Amino acid sequence: MYFDADAPAGSRGGEGLVFLALQRPHMLSFTWNAPPELAEVRAHHTHVTVRLEPLANGCTRVYFYEDGFGVGEQWQKRIEYFRHAWAE
């Protein structure tokens, strides 16, 4: 899953990530990494699980779980980066 397919190798986005599980239509799990500018933690992948819950009104509730974080300044920057990117 690349966010910038034309960027140099290592800077395209989700390089090296792995799909871990799929339970259609309710769950998807995969590894995730940090953006290229956070090189210290980019190689350490977290685990993401997305669960979907159909609601009576035709909408869907999305649950997003992520684990496997480390500690330190770059890990905190990674967390803040995605909070902003995904407009929590």
PDB file of N, CA and C in Angstrom:
ATOM      1  N   MET A   1       0.859  -1.162   0.000  1.00  0.00           N
ATOM      2  CA  MET A   1       0.000   0.000   0.000  1.00  0.00           C
ATOM      3  C   MET A   1       0.910   1.230   0.000  1.00  0.00           C
ATOM      4  N   TYR A   2       1.005   1.899  -1.142  1.00  0.00           N
ATOM      5  CA  TYR A   2       1.857   3.074  -1.270  1.00  0.00           C
ATOM      6  C   TYR A   2       1.016   4.340  -1.262  1.00  0.00           C
ATOM      7  N   PHE A   3       1.553   5.376  -0.631  1.00  0.00           N
ATOM      8  CA  PHE A   3       0.908   6.678  -0.643  1.00  0.00           C
ATOM      9  C   PHE A   3       1.537   7.580  -1.690  1.00  0.00           C
ATOM     10  N   ASP A   4       2.773   7.261  -2.101  1.00  0.00           N
ATOM     11  CA  ASP A   4       3.469   8.003  -3.144  1.00  0.00           C
ATOM     12  C   ASP A   4       4.303   7.007  -3.937  1.00  0.00           C
ATOM     13  N   ALA A   5       3.689   6.367  -4.926  1.00  0.00           N
ATOM     14  CA  ALA A   5       4.344   5.306  -5.693  1.00  0.00           C
ATOM     15  C   ALA A   5       5.550   5.804  -6.478  1.00  0.00           C
ATOM     16  N   ASP A   6       5.630   7.099  -6.747  1.00  0.00           N
ATOM     17  CA  ASP A   6       6.744   7.652  -7.515  1.00  0.00           C
ATOM     18  C   ASP A   6       7.939   8.052  -6.646  1.00  0.00           C
ATOM     19  N   ALA A   7       7.795   7.970  -5.336  1.00  0.00           N
ATOM     20  CA  ALA A   7       8.891   8.332  -4.422  1.00  0.00           C
ATOM     21  C   ALA A   7       9.974   7.258  -4.472  1.00  0.00           C
ATOM     22  N   PRO A   8      11.176   7.586  -4.032  1.00  0.00           N
ATOM     23  CA  PRO A   8      12.246   6.577  -3.987  1.00  0.00           C
ATOM     24  C   PRO A   8      11.882   5.435  -3.025  1.00  0.00           C
ATOM     25  N   ALA A   9      12.453   4.274  -3.280  1.00  0.00           N
ATOM     26  CA  ALA A   9      12.219   3.120  -2.404  1.00  0.00           C
ATOM     27  C   ALA A   9      12.528   3.496  -0.959  1.00  0.00           C
ATOM     28  N   GLY A  10      11.660   3.082  -0.064  1.00  0.00           N
ATOM     29  CA  GLY A  10      11.788   3.409   1.347  1.00  0.00           C
ATOM     30  C   GLY A  10      11.025   4.647   1.762  1.00  0.00           C
ATOM     31  N   SER A  11      10.485   5.372   0.775  1.00  0.00           N
ATOM     32  CA  SER A  11       9.748   6.611   1.055  1.00  0.00           C
ATOM     33  C   SER A  11       8.356   6.619   0.439  1.00  0.00           C
ATOM     34  N   ARG A  12       7.874   5.481   0.021  1.00  0.00           N
ATOM     35  CA  ARG A  12       6.598   5.414  -0.690  1.00  0.00           C
ATOM     36  C   ARG A  12       5.387   5.322   0.234  1.00  0.00           C
ATOM     37  N   GLY A  13       5.606   4.933   1.472  1.00  0.00           N
ATOM     38  CA  GLY A  13       4.471   4.798   2.388  1.00  0.00           C
ATOM     39  C   GLY A  13       4.508   3.476   3.106  1.00  0.00           C
ATOM     40  N   GLY A  14       3.558   2.620   2.836  1.00  0.00           N
ATOM     41  CA  GLY A  14       3.404   1.372   3.566  1.00  0.00           C
ATOM     42  C   GLY A  14       4.260   0.226   3.061  1.00  0.00           C
ATOM     43  N   GLU A  15       5.507   0.485   2.755  1.00  0.00           N
ATOM     44  CA  GLU A  15       6.388  -0.562   2.236  1.00  0.00           C
ATOM     45  C   GLU A  15       6.696  -1.607   3.296  1.00  0.00           C
ATOM     46  N   GLY A  16       6.669  -2.862   2.905  1.00  0.00           N
ATOM     47  CA  GLY A  16       7.015  -3.946   3.802  1.00  0.00           C
ATOM     48  C   GLY A  16       5.915  -4.355   4.762  1.00  0.00           C
ATOM     49  N   LEU A  17       4.744  -3.786   4.611  1.00  0.00           N
ATOM     50  CA  LEU A  17       3.647  -4.123   5.516  1.00  0.00           C
ATOM     51  C   LEU A  17       3.009  -5.445   5.094  1.00  0.00           C
ATOM     52  N   VAL A  18       2.375  -6.108   6.059  1.00  0.00           N
ATOM     53  CA  VAL A  18       1.831  -7.446   5.827  1.00  0.00           C
ATOM     54  C   VAL A  18       0.377  -7.495   6.279  1.00  0.00           C
ATOM     55  N   PHE A  19      -0.483  -8.067   5.434  1.00  0.00           N
ATOM     56  CA  PHE A  19      -1.845  -8.352   5.868  1.00  0.00           C
ATOM     57  C   PHE A  19      -1.790  -9.583   6.755  1.00  0.00           C
ATOM     58  N   LEU A  20      -2.383  -9.491   7.942  1.00  0.00           N
ATOM     59  CA  LEU A  20      -2.315 -10.578   8.919  1.00  0.00           C
ATOM     60  C   LEU A  20      -3.559 -11.442   8.932  1.00  0.00           C
ATOM     61  N   ALA A  21      -4.726 -10.817   8.786  1.00  0.00           N
ATOM     62  CA  ALA A  21      -5.971 -11.585   8.873  1.00  0.00           C
ATOM     63  C   ALA A  21      -7.093 -10.830   8.188  1.00  0.00           C
ATOM     64  N   LEU A  22      -8.046 -11.595   7.689  1.00  0.00           N
ATOM     65  CA  LEU A  22      -9.246 -11.029   7.085  1.00  0.00           C
ATOM     66  C   LEU A  22     -10.421 -11.931   7.453  1.00  0.00           C
ATOM     67  N   GLN A  23     -11.443 -11.337   8.044  1.00  0.00           N
ATOM     68  CA  GLN A  23     -12.688 -12.046   8.330  1.00  0.00           C
ATOM     69  C   GLN A  23     -13.797 -11.224   7.702  1.00  0.00           C
ATOM     70  N   ARG A  24     -14.115 -11.536   6.466  1.00  0.00           N
ATOM     71  CA  ARG A  24     -15.138 -10.779   5.743  1.00  0.00           C
ATOM     72  C   ARG A  24     -16.492 -10.981   6.380  1.00  0.00           C
ATOM     73  N   PRO A  25     -17.259  -9.978   6.489  1.00  0.00           N
ATOM     74  CA  PRO A  25     -17.038  -8.573   6.151  1.00  0.00           C
ATOM     75  C   PRO A  25     -16.727  -7.716   7.382  1.00  0.00           C
ATOM     76  N   HIS A  26     -16.221  -8.316   8.447  1.00  0.00           N
ATOM     77  CA  HIS A  26     -16.171  -7.587   9.717  1.00  0.00           C
ATOM     78  C   HIS A  26     -14.798  -7.220  10.263  1.00  0.00           C
ATOM     79  N   MET A  27     -13.702  -7.805   9.748  1.00  0.00           N
ATOM     80  CA  MET A  27     -12.410  -7.540  10.376  1.00  0.00           C
ATOM     81  C   MET A  27     -11.281  -7.647   9.365  1.00  0.00           C
ATOM     82  N   LEU A  28     -10.301  -6.746   9.539  1.00  0.00           N
ATOM     83  CA  LEU A  28      -9.083  -6.735   8.743  1.00  0.00           C
ATOM     84  C   LEU A  28      -7.937  -6.404   9.685  1.00  0.00           C
ATOM     85  N   SER A  29      -6.819  -7.114   9.556  1.00  0.00           N
ATOM     86  CA  SER A  29      -5.671  -6.861  10.423  1.00  0.00           C
ATOM     87  C   SER A  29      -4.403  -6.821   9.572  1.00  0.00           C
ATOM     88  N   PHE A  30      -3.493  -5.891   9.904  1.00  0.00           N
ATOM     89  CA  PHE A  30      -2.269  -5.714   9.128  1.00  0.00           C
ATOM     90  C   PHE A  30      -1.206  -5.045   9.980  1.00  0.00           C
ATOM     91  N   THR A  31       0.045  -5.099   9.521  1.00  0.00           N
ATOM     92  CA  THR A  31       1.116  -4.368  10.197  1.00  0.00           C
ATOM     93  C   THR A  31       1.150  -2.945   9.657  1.00  0.00           C
ATOM     94  N   TRP A  32       1.783  -2.043  10.422  1.00  0.00           N
ATOM     95  CA  TRP A  32       1.831  -0.622  10.057  1.00  0.00           C
ATOM     96  C   TRP A  32       3.182  -0.065  10.458  1.00  0.00           C
ATOM     97  N   ASN A  33       3.613   0.999   9.792  1.00  0.00           N
ATOM     98  CA  ASN A  33       4.908   1.584  10.122  1.00  0.00           C
ATOM     99  C   ASN A  33       4.805   3.095  10.298  1.00  0.00           C
ATOM    100  N   ALA A  34       5.936   3.715  10.576  1.00  0.00           N
ATOM    101  CA  ALA A  34       6.021   5.160  10.749  1.00  0.00           C
ATOM    102  C   ALA A  34       6.340   5.815   9.409  1.00  0.00           C
ATOM    103  N   PRO A  35       6.092   7.116   9.275  1.00  0.00           N
ATOM    104  CA  PRO A  35       6.471   7.810   8.046  1.00  0.00           C
ATOM    105  C   PRO A  35       7.994   7.827   7.879  1.00  0.00           C
ATOM    106  N   PRO A  36       8.482   7.965   6.645  1.00  0.00           N
ATOM    107  CA  PRO A  36       9.930   7.909   6.377  1.00  0.00           C
ATOM    108  C   PRO A  36      10.770   8.876   7.201  1.00  0.00           C
ATOM    109  N   GLU A  37      10.240  10.038   7.549  1.00  0.00           N
ATOM    110  CA  GLU A  37      11.044  11.008   8.301  1.00  0.00           C
ATOM    111  C   GLU A  37      11.302  10.573   9.749  1.00  0.00           C
ATOM    112  N   LEU A  38      10.653   9.506  10.202  1.00  0.00           N
ATOM    113  CA  LEU A  38      10.894   8.960  11.541  1.00  0.00           C
ATOM    114  C   LEU A  38      11.650   7.632  11.403  1.00  0.00           C
ATOM    115  N   ALA A  39      12.832   7.722  10.798  1.00  0.00           N
ATOM    116  CA  ALA A  39      13.610   6.542  10.419  1.00  0.00           C
ATOM    117  C   ALA A  39      13.928   5.626  11.604  1.00  0.00           C
ATOM    118  N   GLU A  40      14.106   6.189  12.781  1.00  0.00           N
ATOM    119  CA  GLU A  40      14.462   5.392  13.961  1.00  0.00           C
ATOM    120  C   GLU A  40      13.383   4.356  14.295  1.00  0.00           C
ATOM    121  N   VAL A  41      12.122   4.673  14.046  1.00  0.00           N
ATOM    122  CA  VAL A  41      11.037   3.746  14.400  1.00  0.00           C
ATOM    123  C   VAL A  41      10.328   3.157  13.179  1.00  0.00           C
ATOM    124  N   ARG A  42      10.680   3.597  11.973  1.00  0.00           N
ATOM    125  CA  ARG A  42       9.993   3.127  10.761  1.00  0.00           C
ATOM    126  C   ARG A  42      10.083   1.611  10.575  1.00  0.00           C
ATOM    127  N   ALA A  43      11.204   1.021  10.916  1.00  0.00           N
ATOM    128  CA  ALA A  43      11.376  -0.423  10.715  1.00  0.00           C
ATOM    129  C   ALA A  43      10.621  -1.267  11.734  1.00  0.00           C
ATOM    130  N   HIS A  44      10.121  -0.657  12.799  1.00  0.00           N
ATOM    131  CA  HIS A  44       9.379  -1.375  13.841  1.00  0.00           C
ATOM    132  C   HIS A  44       7.890  -1.258  13.547  1.00  0.00           C
ATOM    133  N   HIS A  45       7.292  -2.346  13.124  1.00  0.00           N
ATOM    134  CA  HIS A  45       5.886  -2.322  12.728  1.00  0.00           C
ATOM    135  C   HIS A  45       4.959  -2.570  13.915  1.00  0.00           C
ATOM    136  N   THR A  46       3.872  -1.831  13.927  1.00  0.00           N
ATOM    137  CA  THR A  46       2.805  -2.081  14.893  1.00  0.00           C
ATOM    138  C   THR A  46       1.777  -3.000  14.232  1.00  0.00           C
ATOM    139  N   HIS A  47       0.764  -3.395  14.993  1.00  0.00           N
ATOM    140  CA  HIS A  47      -0.310  -4.256  14.489  1.00  0.00           C
ATOM    141  C   HIS A  47      -1.615  -3.472  14.547  1.00  0.00           C
ATOM    142  N   VAL A  48      -2.327  -3.454  13.447  1.00  0.00           N
ATOM    143  CA  VAL A  48      -3.598  -2.731  13.362  1.00  0.00           C
ATOM    144  C   VAL A  48      -4.716  -3.734  13.097  1.00  0.00           C
ATOM    145  N   THR A  49      -5.810  -3.567  13.817  1.00  0.00           N
ATOM    146  CA  THR A  49      -7.019  -4.346  13.556  1.00  0.00           C
ATOM    147  C   THR A  49      -8.170  -3.362  13.374  1.00  0.00           C
ATOM    148  N   VAL A  50      -8.881  -3.506  12.289  1.00  0.00           N
ATOM    149  CA  VAL A  50     -10.060  -2.688  12.005  1.00  0.00           C
ATOM    150  C   VAL A  50     -11.264  -3.620  12.041  1.00  0.00           C
ATOM    151  N   ARG A  51     -12.233  -3.275  12.878  1.00  0.00           N
ATOM    152  CA  ARG A  51     -13.481  -4.047  12.962  1.00  0.00           C
ATOM    153  C   ARG A  51     -14.635  -3.166  12.518  1.00  0.00           C
ATOM    154  N   LEU A  52     -15.563  -3.757  11.806  1.00  0.00           N
ATOM    155  CA  LEU A  52     -16.726  -3.044  11.289  1.00  0.00           C
ATOM    156  C   LEU A  52     -17.982  -3.632  11.903  1.00  0.00           C
ATOM    157  N   GLU A  53     -18.841  -2.748  12.393  1.00  0.00           N
ATOM    158  CA  GLU A  53     -20.096  -3.173  13.016  1.00  0.00           C
ATOM    159  C   GLU A  53     -21.258  -2.513  12.279  1.00  0.00           C
ATOM    160  N   PRO A  54     -22.070  -3.311  11.582  1.00  0.00           N
ATOM    161  CA  PRO A  54     -23.233  -2.724  10.908  1.00  0.00           C
ATOM    162  C   PRO A  54     -24.239  -2.195  11.925  1.00  0.00           C
ATOM    163  N   LEU A  55     -24.786  -1.034  11.648  1.00  0.00           N
ATOM    164  CA  LEU A  55     -25.801  -0.441  12.519  1.00  0.00           C
ATOM    165  C   LEU A  55     -27.158  -0.494  11.845  1.00  0.00           C
ATOM    166  N   ALA A  56     -28.196  -0.415  12.632  1.00  0.00           N
ATOM    167  CA  ALA A  56     -29.561  -0.565  12.123  1.00  0.00           C
ATOM    168  C   ALA A  56     -29.931   0.481  11.073  1.00  0.00           C
ATOM    169  N   ASN A  57     -29.343   1.659  11.120  1.00  0.00           N
ATOM    170  CA  ASN A  57     -29.721   2.738  10.199  1.00  0.00           C
ATOM    171  C   ASN A  57     -28.957   2.711   8.875  1.00  0.00           C
ATOM    172  N   GLY A  58     -28.257   1.613   8.587  1.00  0.00           N
ATOM    173  CA  GLY A  58     -27.508   1.499   7.346  1.00  0.00           C
ATOM    174  C   GLY A  58     -26.097   2.060   7.426  1.00  0.00           C
ATOM    175  N   CYS A  59     -25.722   2.578   8.583  1.00  0.00           N
ATOM    176  CA  CYS A  59     -24.369   3.084   8.799  1.00  0.00           C
ATOM    177  C   CYS A  59     -23.488   1.960   9.340  1.00  0.00           C
ATOM    178  N   THR A  60     -22.218   2.249   9.449  1.00  0.00           N
ATOM    179  CA  THR A  60     -21.270   1.285   9.995  1.00  0.00           C
ATOM    180  C   THR A  60     -20.414   1.958  11.047  1.00  0.00           C
ATOM    181  N   ARG A  61     -20.264   1.311  12.184  1.00  0.00           N
ATOM    182  CA  ARG A  61     -19.349   1.793  13.227  1.00  0.00           C
ATOM    183  C   ARG A  61     -18.000   1.134  12.965  1.00  0.00           C
ATOM    184  N   VAL A  62     -16.941   1.938  12.989  1.00  0.00           N
ATOM    185  CA  VAL A  62     -15.587   1.452  12.739  1.00  0.00           C
ATOM    186  C   VAL A  62     -14.799   1.499  14.044  1.00  0.00           C
ATOM    187  N   TYR A  63     -14.206   0.367  14.408  1.00  0.00           N
ATOM    188  CA  TYR A  63     -13.322   0.276  15.566  1.00  0.00           C
ATOM    189  C   TYR A  63     -11.906   0.106  15.043  1.00  0.00           C
ATOM    190  N   PHE A  64     -10.999   0.916  15.539  1.00  0.00           N
ATOM    191  CA  PHE A  64      -9.610   0.897  15.099  1.00  0.00           C
ATOM    192  C   PHE A  64      -8.734   0.625  16.310  1.00  0.00           C
ATOM    193  N   TYR A  65      -7.983  -0.464  16.269  1.00  0.00           N
ATOM    194  CA  TYR A  65      -7.091  -0.838  17.362  1.00  0.00           C
ATOM    195  C   TYR A  65      -5.666  -0.910  16.818  1.00  0.00           C
ATOM    196  N   GLU A  66      -4.721  -0.391  17.571  1.00  0.00           N
ATOM    197  CA  GLU A  66      -3.321  -0.498  17.179  1.00  0.00           C
ATOM    198  C   GLU A  66      -2.496  -0.794  18.424  1.00  0.00           C
ATOM    199  N   ASP A  67      -1.578  -1.768  18.309  1.00  0.00           N
ATOM    200  CA  ASP A  67      -0.703  -2.095  19.428  1.00  0.00           C
ATOM    201  C   ASP A  67       0.710  -2.345  18.921  1.00  0.00           C
ATOM    202  N   GLY A  68       1.619  -2.499  19.854  1.00  0.00           N
ATOM    203  CA  GLY A  68       2.999  -2.780  19.506  1.00  0.00           C
ATOM    204  C   GLY A  68       3.893  -1.551  19.496  1.00  0.00           C
ATOM    205  N   PHE A  69       3.446  -0.480  20.152  1.00  0.00           N
ATOM    206  CA  PHE A  69       4.235   0.752  20.210  1.00  0.00           C
ATOM    207  C   PHE A  69       5.444   0.591  21.120  1.00  0.00           C
ATOM    208  N   GLY A  70       6.496   1.315  20.773  1.00  0.00           N
ATOM    209  CA  GLY A  70       7.655   1.410  21.632  1.00  0.00           C
ATOM    210  C   GLY A  70       7.562   2.684  22.465  1.00  0.00           C
ATOM    211  N   VAL A  71       8.663   3.044  23.094  1.00  0.00           N
ATOM    212  CA  VAL A  71       8.710   4.263  23.901  1.00  0.00           C
ATOM    213  C   VAL A  71       9.829   5.156  23.383  1.00  0.00           C
ATOM    214  N   GLY A  72       9.696   6.423  23.647  1.00  0.00           N
ATOM    215  CA  GLY A  72      10.725   7.372  23.252  1.00  0.00           C
ATOM    216  C   GLY A  72      10.153   8.490  22.405  1.00  0.00           C
ATOM    217  N   GLU A  73      10.999   9.457  22.113  1.00  0.00           N
ATOM    218  CA  GLU A  73      10.574  10.666  21.408  1.00  0.00           C
ATOM    219  C   GLU A  73      10.033  10.376  20.005  1.00  0.00           C
ATOM    220  N   GLN A  74      10.721   9.509  19.244  1.00  0.00           N
ATOM    221  CA  GLN A  74      10.233   9.238  17.884  1.00  0.00           C
ATOM    222  C   GLN A  74       8.919   8.463  17.902  1.00  0.00           C
ATOM    223  N   TRP A  75       8.714   7.596  18.883  1.00  0.00           N
ATOM    224  CA  TRP A  75       7.427   6.905  18.989  1.00  0.00           C
ATOM    225  C   TRP A  75       6.311   7.910  19.267  1.00  0.00           C
ATOM    226  N   GLN A  76       6.581   8.864  20.136  1.00  0.00           N
ATOM    227  CA  GLN A  76       5.567   9.876  20.432  1.00  0.00           C
ATOM    228  C   GLN A  76       5.281  10.727  19.192  1.00  0.00           C
ATOM    229  N   LYS A  77       6.322  11.068  18.451  1.00  0.00           N
ATOM    230  CA  LYS A  77       6.125  11.824  17.207  1.00  0.00           C
ATOM    231  C   LYS A  77       5.300  11.026  16.205  1.00  0.00           C
ATOM    232  N   ARG A  78       5.522   9.718  16.153  1.00  0.00           N
ATOM    233  CA  ARG A  78       4.741   8.853  15.255  1.00  0.00           C
ATOM    234  C   ARG A  78       3.262   8.878  15.636  1.00  0.00           C
ATOM    235  N   ILE A  79       2.996   8.753  16.924  1.00  0.00           N
ATOM    236  CA  ILE A  79       1.615   8.792  17.402  1.00  0.00           C
ATOM    237  C   ILE A  79       0.966  10.119  17.036  1.00  0.00           C
ATOM    238  N   GLU A  80       1.655  11.217  17.278  1.00  0.00           N
ATOM    239  CA  GLU A  80       1.108  12.543  16.959  1.00  0.00           C
ATOM    240  C   GLU A  80       0.918  12.723  15.456  1.00  0.00           C
ATOM    241  N   TYR A  81       1.835  12.203  14.663  1.00  0.00           N
ATOM    242  CA  TYR A  81       1.733  12.295  13.213  1.00  0.00           C
ATOM    243  C   TYR A  81       0.406  11.689  12.735  1.00  0.00           C
ATOM    244  N   PHE A  82       0.092  10.475  13.204  1.00  0.00           N
ATOM    245  CA  PHE A  82      -1.123   9.821  12.750  1.00  0.00           C
ATOM    246  C   PHE A  82      -2.383  10.384  13.379  1.00  0.00           C
ATOM    247  N   ARG A  83      -2.297  10.921  14.577  1.00  0.00           N
ATOM    248  CA  ARG A  83      -3.452  11.618  15.133  1.00  0.00           C
ATOM    249  C   ARG A  83      -3.859  12.779  14.224  1.00  0.00           C
ATOM    250  N   HIS A  84      -2.854  13.510  13.757  1.00  0.00           N
ATOM    251  CA  HIS A  84      -3.118  14.629  12.852  1.00  0.00           C
ATOM    252  C   HIS A  84      -3.560  14.126  11.470  1.00  0.00           C
ATOM    253  N   ALA A  85      -2.837  13.140  10.933  1.00  0.00           N
ATOM    254  CA  ALA A  85      -3.136  12.634   9.582  1.00  0.00           C
ATOM    255  C   ALA A  85      -4.538  12.039   9.485  1.00  0.00           C
ATOM    256  N   TRP A  86      -4.981  11.373  10.551  1.00  0.00           N
ATOM    257  CA  TRP A  86      -6.292  10.729  10.541  1.00  0.00           C
ATOM    258  C   TRP A  86      -7.345  11.573  11.224  1.00  0.00           C
ATOM    259  N   ALA A  87      -6.981  12.816  11.589  1.00  0.00           N
ATOM    260  CA  ALA A  87      -7.927  13.776  12.179  1.00  0.00           C
ATOM    261  C   ALA A  87      -8.798  13.137  13.243  1.00  0.00           C
ATOM    262  N   GLU A  88      -8.131  12.648  14.291  1.00  0.00           N
ATOM    263  CA  GLU A  88      -8.811  11.981  15.391  1.00  0.00           C
ATOM    264  C   GLU A  88      -9.911  12.835  15.968  1.00  0.00           C
TER     265      GLU A  88
END
